[in-house]
Amino acid sequence: MSVVTNTTTIGAIEAPSRRNTELALLAFAVVIPVFAYLNVGLAIDGKVPAGMLGYGLGLTLLAGVAHLVVRKWAPYADPLLLPLATLLNGMGLVLIWRLDQSPRLIAKSIRDFGSFSPDAPKQMLYSAVGIAMFVGVLLLLKDHRVLQRYTYISMMAALVLLLLPLVPGLGADVFGAKIWIHIGGFSIQPGEFAKLVLAIFFSGYLMVKRDALALASRRFMGLYLPRGRDLGPIITIWAVSLLILVFENDLGTSLLFFGMFVIMLYVATERTSWIVMGLLMAVAGAVSVASFAGHVQARVDAWSDPFACAEKVAACDQMTQVLMSFGSGGILGAGLGQGSSDLIGFAANSDFIFATVGEELGLTGVMVFLLFYGLIIERGVRTALAARDPFGKLLAMGMSGAFALQIFVVAGGVMGLIPLTGMTMPFLAYGGSSVIANWALIGILIRISDTARRPAPAPAPNPDAEMTQVVRP
């Protein structure tokens, strides 16, 4: 007599989704800006601001909708990306509202334009549109690998977006920079969306060409130099970046696009020579263009010695006010609502909003905000490392690299490390194009992280592979 027993395959243990962790962090990401809003109101008027309830409910609603969509359609996504973006967006709304209360800025607006329109309500609307874009990305983009099919379409779309500000009647020249277009009653900065489309193109292109680009011709000073025939892509992107700098006077966008391509090229090939060559080309291009482009030269002068030209050039005067804002902030800052960064005047709530952080929250606040940005970059890089496909790795790394470059050029320009570039701090500064594009960026990173962390389906049981054990009495 024998007894035959069968053992069946047990499915893989499901990985935790971490959505409850995300929800708890989102609660803090909403509560902190609401208390900051209260702090500003008490500092300025000595009473609870009338709009605090509406602000708190609006931010809670936006965060709640985003969380429910992630819980339903991206359950295995990174739990930190959404709370960090919500916190930065909420604090940006507080800082913009704080500057709206400045009597100096109100008087200047009435003197220049005949009326004053607060920017905080408009920024709340732009944030809602950004959340809608975030939701749309997660609902429509079921698998990020689908984007690889549109590699060269993305290239054409990016070129169109970059050329739109040069179209007569559509583009607008704002203080020397041609980076805006006017559609109806709205102003749009196409370059903010072009960086996302270009990241898709770079990822698809480098995934196919990375083996050829990784080949070296000879060794020079410890670096493996690329072959001459493989220099075409980087020279082309360099030339396009210089054209943007020359015709649109946009130093920030030029640096961002070229830097993003060099970062992705290094990730794809693992050749340090591309980084060195990219840095040399960027410096050579910027120096050559600055020698004849007056707009770029003015920003270099404002960076090198702003106090020498403060009485003659408006950019120098702004830079002196920015530096004094950081200096007066000290370690802990003057307190929310108690600074004088409104003396900066034009673009105080957009290009120079980080100066308000430095003055009212001090060095401590600056480091905290940079830490939040660094965490977003770290989670993006972690997502790239966890991605199972090369396209996803390059796309996540490219978008994280572009985000990091933008933080560096904006914070570095405002703090005097490099010349001003005209770009804005993501989520923090006033501007619809920036906040909408960066919410789309967060949506794509969340989709990639969900795909990377999602457990592989358990294989179907195979009857032929069942183990048979004979037990004899």
Protein backbone atom coordinates (compact mmCIF):
# COMPACT_ATOMS: atom_id res chain seq x y z
CA MET A 1 0.00 0.00 0.00
CA SER A 2 1.31 3.41 -0.85
CA VAL A 3 0.07 6.94 -0.30
CA VAL A 4 0.72 9.59 -2.97
CA THR A 5 0.80 13.24 -1.76
CA ASN A 6 1.07 16.36 -4.00
CA THR A 7 2.58 19.74 -3.07
CA THR A 8 1.36 22.85 -4.91
CA THR A 9 3.28 26.02 -5.67
CA ILE A 10 2.56 28.90 -3.29
CA GLY A 11 2.25 32.36 -4.94
CA ALA A 12 4.76 35.08 -4.24
CA ILE A 13 4.25 37.13 -1.12
CA GLU A 14 2.75 40.47 -2.08
CA ALA A 15 4.97 43.48 -1.35
CA PRO A 16 3.53 46.16 0.93
CA SER A 17 1.99 49.08 -0.95
CA ARG A 18 2.99 51.72 1.69
CA ARG A 19 -0.12 53.77 0.90
CA ASN A 20 -0.96 54.23 4.59
CA THR A 21 2.54 55.61 5.11
CA GLU A 22 1.92 58.03 2.27
CA LEU A 23 -1.40 59.09 3.82
CA ALA A 24 0.22 59.81 7.20
CA LEU A 25 2.97 61.86 5.54
CA LEU A 26 0.37 63.73 3.49
CA ALA A 27 -1.36 64.76 6.71
CA PHE A 28 1.86 66.43 7.88
CA ALA A 29 2.39 67.89 4.39
CA VAL A 30 -0.98 69.67 4.69
CA VAL A 31 -0.83 70.65 8.37
CA ILE A 32 2.60 72.32 8.16
CA PRO A 33 1.63 74.84 5.41
CA VAL A 34 -1.67 75.59 7.19
CA PHE A 35 0.21 76.47 10.39
CA ALA A 36 2.65 78.54 8.32
CA TYR A 37 -0.32 80.40 6.81
CA LEU A 38 -1.59 81.08 10.33
CA ASN A 39 1.86 82.26 11.40
CA VAL A 40 2.02 84.79 8.55
CA GLY A 41 -1.43 86.15 9.38
CA LEU A 42 -0.61 86.58 13.06
CA ALA A 43 2.72 88.25 12.25
CA ILE A 44 1.20 90.76 9.82
CA ASP A 45 -2.20 91.58 11.34
CA GLY A 46 -2.10 90.01 14.79
CA LYS A 47 -5.15 87.87 14.05
CA VAL A 48 -6.15 84.64 12.36
CA PRO A 49 -6.25 85.24 8.58
CA ALA A 50 -9.73 85.07 7.07
CA GLY A 51 -8.72 82.77 4.23
CA MET A 52 -7.01 80.11 6.33
CA LEU A 53 -9.99 77.73 6.33
CA GLY A 54 -10.42 77.94 2.57
CA TYR A 55 -6.70 77.48 2.02
CA GLY A 56 -6.56 74.45 4.32
CA LEU A 57 -9.62 72.82 2.76
CA GLY A 58 -8.35 73.47 -0.76
CA LEU A 59 -4.94 71.97 -0.09
CA THR A 60 -6.51 69.01 1.73
CA LEU A 61 -8.86 68.36 -1.19
CA LEU A 62 -6.05 68.45 -3.75
CA ALA A 63 -3.83 66.16 -1.66
CA GLY A 64 -6.74 63.79 -0.98
CA VAL A 65 -7.64 63.44 -4.66
CA ALA A 66 -4.01 62.78 -5.59
CA HIS A 67 -3.66 60.17 -2.85
CA LEU A 68 -6.84 58.32 -3.83
CA VAL A 69 -5.71 58.15 -7.45
CA VAL A 70 -2.28 56.81 -6.43
CA ARG A 71 -3.90 54.29 -4.05
CA LYS A 72 -6.15 53.01 -6.85
CA TRP A 73 -3.97 53.18 -9.96
CA ALA A 74 -0.38 53.11 -8.62
CA PRO A 75 -0.57 51.15 -5.34
CA TYR A 76 3.12 50.18 -5.25
CA ALA A 77 4.52 53.64 -6.00
CA ASP A 78 7.11 55.40 -3.87
CA PRO A 79 5.38 56.73 -0.71
CA LEU A 80 7.50 59.91 -0.37
CA LEU A 81 7.18 61.64 -3.75
CA LEU A 82 3.58 62.83 -3.38
CA PRO A 83 3.90 64.14 0.24
CA LEU A 84 7.13 66.00 -0.57
CA ALA A 85 5.65 67.66 -3.66
CA THR A 86 2.49 68.57 -1.70
CA LEU A 87 4.50 70.11 1.13
CA LEU A 88 6.61 72.23 -1.23
CA ASN A 89 3.54 73.30 -3.22
CA GLY A 90 1.71 74.23 -0.01
CA MET A 91 4.64 76.24 1.36
CA GLY A 92 4.97 77.98 -1.99
CA LEU A 93 1.36 79.10 -1.74
CA VAL A 94 2.05 80.47 1.76
CA LEU A 95 5.11 82.44 0.62
CA ILE A 96 3.28 83.88 -2.38
CA TRP A 97 0.33 84.91 -0.18
CA ARG A 98 2.78 86.45 2.30
CA LEU A 99 4.22 88.66 -0.49
CA ASP A 100 0.70 89.55 -1.61
CA GLN A 101 0.24 91.27 1.75
CA SER A 102 3.21 93.59 1.21
CA PRO A 103 2.15 97.26 1.09
CA ARG A 104 5.19 98.05 -1.08
CA LEU A 105 4.27 95.50 -3.76
CA ILE A 106 0.62 96.54 -3.67
CA ALA A 107 1.55 100.20 -4.12
CA LYS A 108 4.02 99.37 -6.91
CA SER A 109 1.41 97.30 -8.76
CA ILE A 110 -1.17 100.09 -8.54
CA ARG A 111 1.41 102.64 -9.70
CA ASP A 112 2.58 100.52 -12.67
CA PHE A 113 -0.64 98.80 -13.74
CA GLY A 114 -3.41 100.83 -12.14
CA SER A 115 -4.66 97.95 -10.00
CA PHE A 116 -3.49 95.11 -7.79
CA SER A 117 -4.37 91.45 -8.33
CA PRO A 118 -3.13 88.98 -5.70
CA ASP A 119 -1.17 86.04 -7.06
CA ALA A 120 -1.92 83.43 -4.37
CA PRO A 121 -5.47 82.60 -5.62
CA LYS A 122 -4.15 82.22 -9.15
CA GLN A 123 -1.36 79.95 -7.91
CA MET A 124 -3.95 77.81 -6.10
CA LEU A 125 -5.78 77.45 -9.42
CA TYR A 126 -2.54 76.52 -11.18
CA SER A 127 -1.87 73.94 -8.45
CA ALA A 128 -5.31 72.42 -9.06
CA VAL A 129 -4.52 72.19 -12.78
CA GLY A 130 -1.17 70.60 -11.85
CA ILE A 131 -2.92 67.97 -9.73
CA ALA A 132 -5.29 67.34 -12.64
CA MET A 133 -2.25 66.82 -14.88
CA PHE A 134 -0.79 64.46 -12.26
CA VAL A 135 -4.06 62.48 -12.20
CA GLY A 136 -4.20 62.42 -15.99
CA VAL A 137 -0.67 61.00 -16.22
CA LEU A 138 -1.51 58.14 -13.84
CA LEU A 139 -4.85 57.36 -15.52
CA LEU A 140 -3.64 57.50 -19.12
CA LEU A 141 -0.09 56.21 -18.73
CA LYS A 142 -0.63 52.61 -17.64
CA ASP A 143 2.93 51.60 -18.55
CA HIS A 144 5.79 54.07 -18.99
CA ARG A 145 7.37 51.84 -21.64
CA VAL A 146 4.66 52.95 -24.06
CA LEU A 147 6.45 56.29 -24.29
CA GLN A 148 9.40 54.62 -26.00
CA ARG A 149 7.27 54.29 -29.15
CA TYR A 150 7.20 58.08 -29.45
CA THR A 151 10.94 58.69 -29.31
CA TYR A 152 11.29 60.74 -32.48
CA ILE A 153 7.81 62.24 -32.21
CA SER A 154 8.97 63.55 -28.84
CA MET A 155 11.98 65.13 -30.51
CA MET A 156 9.77 66.98 -33.00
CA ALA A 157 7.34 68.05 -30.26
CA ALA A 158 10.22 69.40 -28.14
CA LEU A 159 11.59 71.43 -31.05
CA VAL A 160 8.15 72.92 -31.68
CA LEU A 161 7.80 73.87 -28.01
CA LEU A 162 11.23 75.50 -28.01
CA LEU A 163 10.56 77.47 -31.19
CA LEU A 164 7.10 78.74 -30.23
CA PRO A 165 8.41 81.83 -28.34
CA LEU A 166 10.15 82.97 -31.55
CA VAL A 167 6.91 83.00 -33.58
CA PRO A 168 5.87 86.63 -34.28
CA GLY A 169 2.62 87.57 -32.60
CA LEU A 170 2.75 84.53 -30.33
CA GLY A 171 5.99 84.90 -28.41
CA ALA A 172 6.65 87.63 -25.88
CA ASP A 173 9.86 89.39 -24.87
CA VAL A 174 9.87 89.79 -21.08
CA PHE A 175 12.88 91.76 -19.79
CA GLY A 176 15.07 90.51 -22.64
CA ALA A 177 14.14 86.80 -22.43
CA LYS A 178 11.94 85.29 -25.15
CA ILE A 179 10.60 82.28 -23.29
CA TRP A 180 6.87 83.06 -23.09
CA ILE A 181 3.90 82.73 -25.42
CA HIS A 182 0.51 84.39 -25.02
CA ILE A 183 -2.63 82.36 -25.74
CA GLY A 184 -5.84 84.18 -24.95
CA GLY A 185 -5.35 85.80 -21.58
CA PHE A 186 -2.74 83.32 -20.40
CA SER A 187 1.05 83.29 -20.56
CA ILE A 188 2.73 79.91 -21.01
CA GLN A 189 6.40 78.96 -20.77
CA PRO A 190 6.80 76.08 -23.27
CA GLY A 191 10.32 75.26 -22.07
CA GLU A 192 8.93 73.81 -18.83
CA PHE A 193 7.05 71.16 -20.81
CA ALA A 194 9.84 70.70 -23.35
CA LYS A 195 12.14 69.30 -20.64
CA LEU A 196 9.70 66.40 -20.07
CA VAL A 197 9.35 65.67 -23.78
CA LEU A 198 13.10 65.88 -24.32
CA ALA A 199 13.69 63.43 -21.48
CA ILE A 200 11.50 60.91 -23.33
CA PHE A 201 13.44 61.47 -26.56
CA PHE A 202 16.85 61.22 -24.88
CA SER A 203 15.82 58.01 -23.10
CA GLY A 204 14.61 56.30 -26.27
CA TYR A 205 17.58 57.47 -28.33
CA LEU A 206 20.28 56.57 -25.81
CA MET A 207 18.75 53.17 -25.09
CA VAL A 208 19.29 52.23 -28.74
CA LYS A 209 22.64 53.98 -29.26
CA ARG A 210 24.30 53.46 -25.87
CA ASP A 211 26.52 50.55 -26.99
CA ALA A 212 28.01 52.57 -29.84
CA LEU A 213 28.43 55.68 -27.69
CA ALA A 214 30.21 53.65 -25.00
CA LEU A 215 33.01 52.62 -27.37
CA ALA A 216 36.29 54.48 -26.82
CA SER A 217 38.94 55.38 -29.37
CA ARG A 218 41.96 56.19 -27.21
CA ARG A 219 42.98 57.07 -23.66
CA PHE A 220 44.03 60.61 -22.74
CA MET A 221 44.96 61.74 -19.20
CA GLY A 222 43.15 58.79 -17.69
CA LEU A 223 39.96 59.32 -19.72
CA TYR A 224 38.68 57.11 -22.50
CA LEU A 225 37.79 59.52 -25.30
CA PRO A 226 34.80 58.73 -27.53
CA ARG A 227 35.21 58.03 -31.20
CA GLY A 228 34.95 61.00 -33.54
CA ARG A 229 31.95 59.55 -35.34
CA ASP A 230 30.05 59.34 -32.04
CA LEU A 231 30.40 63.05 -31.21
CA GLY A 232 27.43 63.95 -33.41
CA PRO A 233 24.68 63.74 -30.76
CA ILE A 234 26.42 65.80 -28.09
CA ILE A 235 27.57 68.41 -30.63
CA THR A 236 24.01 68.67 -31.98
CA ILE A 237 22.48 69.15 -28.54
CA TRP A 238 25.22 71.65 -27.69
CA ALA A 239 24.48 73.64 -30.83
CA VAL A 240 20.73 73.64 -30.11
CA SER A 241 21.42 74.85 -26.56
CA LEU A 242 23.55 77.71 -27.89
CA LEU A 243 20.82 78.65 -30.36
CA ILE A 244 18.33 78.83 -27.49
CA LEU A 245 20.76 81.02 -25.58
CA VAL A 246 21.39 83.32 -28.55
CA PHE A 247 17.88 83.76 -29.95
CA GLU A 248 15.78 83.43 -26.78
CA ASN A 249 18.31 84.85 -24.27
CA ASP A 250 17.41 81.99 -21.94
CA LEU A 251 20.50 80.86 -20.07
CA GLY A 252 18.56 78.59 -17.69
CA THR A 253 16.79 76.50 -20.33
CA SER A 254 19.99 76.18 -22.34
CA LEU A 255 21.95 74.87 -19.33
CA LEU A 256 19.11 72.59 -18.28
CA PHE A 257 18.70 70.81 -21.61
CA PHE A 258 22.39 70.35 -22.28
CA GLY A 259 23.08 69.25 -18.70
CA MET A 260 20.21 66.75 -18.76
CA PHE A 261 21.54 65.18 -21.96
CA VAL A 262 25.08 64.91 -20.57
CA ILE A 263 23.80 63.27 -17.37
CA MET A 264 21.72 60.74 -19.30
CA LEU A 265 24.63 60.11 -21.69
CA TYR A 266 26.89 59.33 -18.73
CA VAL A 267 24.28 57.02 -17.17
CA ALA A 268 23.79 55.19 -20.48
CA THR A 269 27.51 54.73 -21.30
CA GLU A 270 29.23 54.92 -17.87
CA ARG A 271 32.00 57.00 -19.51
CA THR A 272 33.35 59.84 -17.36
CA SER A 273 34.80 61.43 -20.49
CA TRP A 274 31.30 62.53 -21.54
CA ILE A 275 30.90 64.49 -18.28
CA VAL A 276 34.26 66.23 -18.71
CA MET A 277 33.58 67.01 -22.35
CA GLY A 278 30.09 68.29 -21.54
CA LEU A 279 31.38 70.65 -18.84
CA LEU A 280 34.06 72.04 -21.14
CA MET A 281 31.56 72.58 -23.96
CA ALA A 282 29.05 74.26 -21.60
CA VAL A 283 31.67 76.69 -20.26
CA ALA A 284 33.03 77.47 -23.73
CA GLY A 285 29.55 78.08 -25.11
CA ALA A 286 28.43 80.29 -22.22
CA VAL A 287 31.60 82.40 -22.35
CA SER A 288 31.44 82.88 -26.12
CA VAL A 289 27.75 83.86 -26.10
CA ALA A 290 28.20 86.18 -23.10
CA SER A 291 30.82 88.12 -25.07
CA PHE A 292 28.19 89.50 -27.50
CA ALA A 293 24.77 88.87 -25.89
CA GLY A 294 23.92 91.91 -23.79
CA HIS A 295 21.23 90.17 -21.73
CA VAL A 296 23.62 87.42 -20.66
CA GLN A 297 26.44 89.89 -20.02
CA ALA A 298 24.17 91.96 -17.74
CA ARG A 299 23.47 88.89 -15.63
CA VAL A 300 27.17 88.09 -15.42
CA ASP A 301 27.87 91.66 -14.25
CA ALA A 302 25.10 91.42 -11.65
CA TRP A 303 26.67 88.20 -10.40
CA SER A 304 30.33 89.27 -10.34
CA ASP A 305 29.90 92.61 -8.51
CA PRO A 306 26.27 93.66 -8.03
CA PHE A 307 27.07 96.54 -5.66
CA ALA A 308 29.23 98.25 -8.29
CA CYS A 309 26.33 98.65 -10.73
CA ALA A 310 23.38 98.74 -8.31
CA GLU A 311 22.54 102.38 -9.05
CA LYS A 312 22.66 101.97 -12.83
CA VAL A 313 21.31 98.50 -13.66
CA ALA A 314 18.04 97.11 -12.29
CA ALA A 315 19.37 93.52 -12.29
CA CYS A 316 22.28 94.58 -10.07
CA ASP A 317 19.95 96.40 -7.66
CA GLN A 318 17.77 93.30 -7.40
CA MET A 319 20.78 91.12 -6.71
CA THR A 320 21.96 93.41 -3.91
CA GLN A 321 18.52 93.22 -2.29
CA VAL A 322 18.57 89.42 -2.62
CA LEU A 323 21.98 89.13 -0.98
CA MET A 324 20.95 91.45 1.83
CA SER A 325 17.81 89.38 2.37
CA PHE A 326 19.89 86.26 2.87
CA GLY A 327 22.33 88.13 5.08
CA SER A 328 19.65 89.59 7.36
CA GLY A 329 18.02 86.18 7.80
CA GLY A 330 20.87 84.81 9.88
CA ILE A 331 20.57 81.28 11.27
CA LEU A 332 16.90 81.13 12.24
CA GLY A 333 15.42 83.99 10.19
CA ALA A 334 13.27 86.98 11.02
CA GLY A 335 10.09 84.91 11.11
CA LEU A 336 7.36 84.35 8.53
CA GLY A 337 5.76 87.64 7.54
CA GLN A 338 8.42 89.76 9.23
CA GLY A 339 11.04 90.10 6.50
CA SER A 340 11.65 92.79 3.86
CA SER A 341 12.25 90.65 0.77
CA ASP A 342 9.47 92.63 -0.95
CA LEU A 343 12.15 95.29 -1.57
CA ILE A 344 13.37 93.05 -4.39
CA GLY A 345 10.38 94.23 -6.39
CA PHE A 346 9.84 92.52 -9.73
CA ALA A 347 9.79 88.69 -9.61
CA ALA A 348 10.03 88.63 -5.81
CA ASN A 349 7.48 85.80 -5.75
CA SER A 350 8.89 83.90 -8.73
CA ASP A 351 12.59 84.07 -9.65
CA PHE A 352 13.64 85.36 -6.22
CA ILE A 353 11.19 83.64 -3.88
CA PHE A 354 14.03 81.67 -2.31
CA ALA A 355 15.29 84.97 -0.89
CA THR A 356 12.10 85.18 1.19
CA VAL A 357 12.91 81.73 2.57
CA GLY A 358 16.43 82.87 3.43
CA GLU A 359 15.32 86.05 5.20
CA GLU A 360 12.26 84.82 7.08
CA LEU A 361 13.35 81.25 7.86
CA GLY A 362 17.12 81.78 7.86
CA LEU A 363 19.86 79.36 6.99
CA THR A 364 17.93 76.64 8.82
CA GLY A 365 14.91 77.08 6.58
CA VAL A 366 17.06 77.16 3.44
CA MET A 367 18.70 73.87 4.41
CA VAL A 368 15.32 72.29 5.20
CA PHE A 369 13.91 73.24 1.80
CA LEU A 370 17.04 71.99 0.04
CA LEU A 371 16.69 68.75 2.02
CA PHE A 372 13.11 68.34 0.76
CA TYR A 373 14.26 68.89 -2.81
CA GLY A 374 17.15 66.49 -2.25
CA LEU A 375 14.74 63.82 -1.02
CA ILE A 376 12.70 64.11 -4.22
CA ILE A 377 15.89 63.73 -6.25
CA GLU A 378 17.00 60.77 -4.13
CA ARG A 379 13.66 59.00 -4.56
CA GLY A 380 13.85 59.63 -8.29
CA VAL A 381 17.34 58.11 -8.48
CA ARG A 382 16.17 55.19 -6.33
CA THR A 383 13.30 54.69 -8.76
CA ALA A 384 15.78 54.66 -11.66
CA LEU A 385 17.90 52.02 -9.92
CA ALA A 386 14.84 49.88 -9.19
CA ALA A 387 13.41 50.06 -12.72
CA ARG A 388 13.53 46.74 -14.54
CA ASP A 389 13.85 48.11 -18.07
CA PRO A 390 16.63 50.32 -19.50
CA PHE A 391 14.18 52.89 -20.88
CA GLY A 392 12.59 53.36 -17.46
CA LYS A 393 16.01 53.70 -15.84
CA LEU A 394 17.09 56.40 -18.27
CA LEU A 395 13.75 58.23 -18.11
CA ALA A 396 13.66 58.33 -14.30
CA MET A 397 17.32 59.36 -14.12
CA GLY A 398 16.84 62.03 -16.78
CA MET A 399 13.87 63.61 -15.04
CA SER A 400 15.58 63.43 -11.65
CA GLY A 401 18.70 64.97 -13.18
CA ALA A 402 16.69 67.77 -14.81
CA PHE A 403 14.96 68.47 -11.49
CA ALA A 404 18.31 68.55 -9.68
CA LEU A 405 19.86 70.86 -12.28
CA GLN A 406 16.94 73.25 -12.00
CA ILE A 407 17.30 73.39 -8.21
CA PHE A 408 21.04 74.01 -8.55
CA VAL A 409 20.86 76.79 -11.14
CA VAL A 410 18.00 78.59 -9.35
CA ALA A 411 19.32 78.31 -5.79
CA GLY A 412 22.89 78.93 -6.97
CA GLY A 413 21.85 82.00 -8.94
CA VAL A 414 19.82 83.52 -6.13
CA MET A 415 22.56 82.92 -3.56
CA GLY A 416 25.31 84.30 -5.83
CA LEU A 417 27.07 81.03 -6.63
CA ILE A 418 26.45 81.33 -10.38
CA PRO A 419 24.83 84.02 -12.59
CA LEU A 420 21.06 84.29 -12.53
CA THR A 421 19.32 82.12 -15.10
CA GLY A 422 15.70 83.28 -14.99
CA MET A 423 14.33 79.87 -13.96
CA THR A 424 12.03 79.32 -10.98
CA MET A 425 12.12 76.99 -7.99
CA PRO A 426 9.85 73.99 -8.67
CA PHE A 427 6.56 74.06 -6.69
CA LEU A 428 7.74 77.04 -4.62
CA ALA A 429 7.71 79.96 -7.05
CA TYR A 430 4.74 81.66 -8.68
CA GLY A 431 3.99 80.43 -12.20
CA GLY A 432 1.49 78.11 -13.79
CA SER A 433 3.74 76.45 -16.37
CA SER A 434 6.30 75.45 -13.77
CA VAL A 435 3.92 73.94 -11.24
CA ILE A 436 1.90 72.07 -13.89
CA ALA A 437 4.99 70.63 -15.60
CA ASN A 438 6.55 69.56 -12.31
CA TRP A 439 3.37 67.80 -11.18
CA ALA A 440 3.48 65.91 -14.49
CA LEU A 441 7.11 65.02 -13.74
CA ILE A 442 6.12 63.65 -10.31
CA GLY A 443 3.34 61.66 -11.96
CA ILE A 444 5.74 60.00 -14.39
CA LEU A 445 8.19 59.15 -11.60
CA ILE A 446 5.35 57.64 -9.56
CA ARG A 447 4.28 55.53 -12.53
CA ILE A 448 7.83 54.24 -13.05
CA SER A 449 8.24 53.49 -9.34
CA ASP A 450 4.92 51.64 -9.26
CA THR A 451 6.02 49.46 -12.16
CA ALA A 452 9.43 48.86 -10.56
CA ARG A 453 8.07 47.91 -7.11
CA ARG A 454 5.06 45.93 -8.32
CA PRO A 455 5.60 42.22 -7.55
CA ALA A 456 5.86 39.92 -10.54
CA PRO A 457 2.79 37.71 -10.99
CA ALA A 458 3.12 34.22 -9.59
CA PRO A 459 3.67 31.58 -12.30
CA ALA A 460 0.77 29.30 -13.12
CA PRO A 461 1.02 25.83 -11.54
CA ASN A 462 2.51 23.20 -13.83
CA PRO A 463 1.08 19.71 -13.25
CA ASP A 464 4.15 18.11 -14.83
CA ALA A 465 6.41 19.84 -12.30
CA GLU A 466 4.56 18.67 -9.21
CA MET A 467 6.70 16.79 -6.79
CA THR A 468 5.45 13.33 -5.94
CA GLN A 469 6.39 11.79 -2.66
CA VAL A 470 5.74 8.10 -1.99
CA VAL A 471 5.12 7.26 1.62
CA ARG A 472 5.32 3.58 2.46
CA PRO A 473 3.64 2.16 5.56
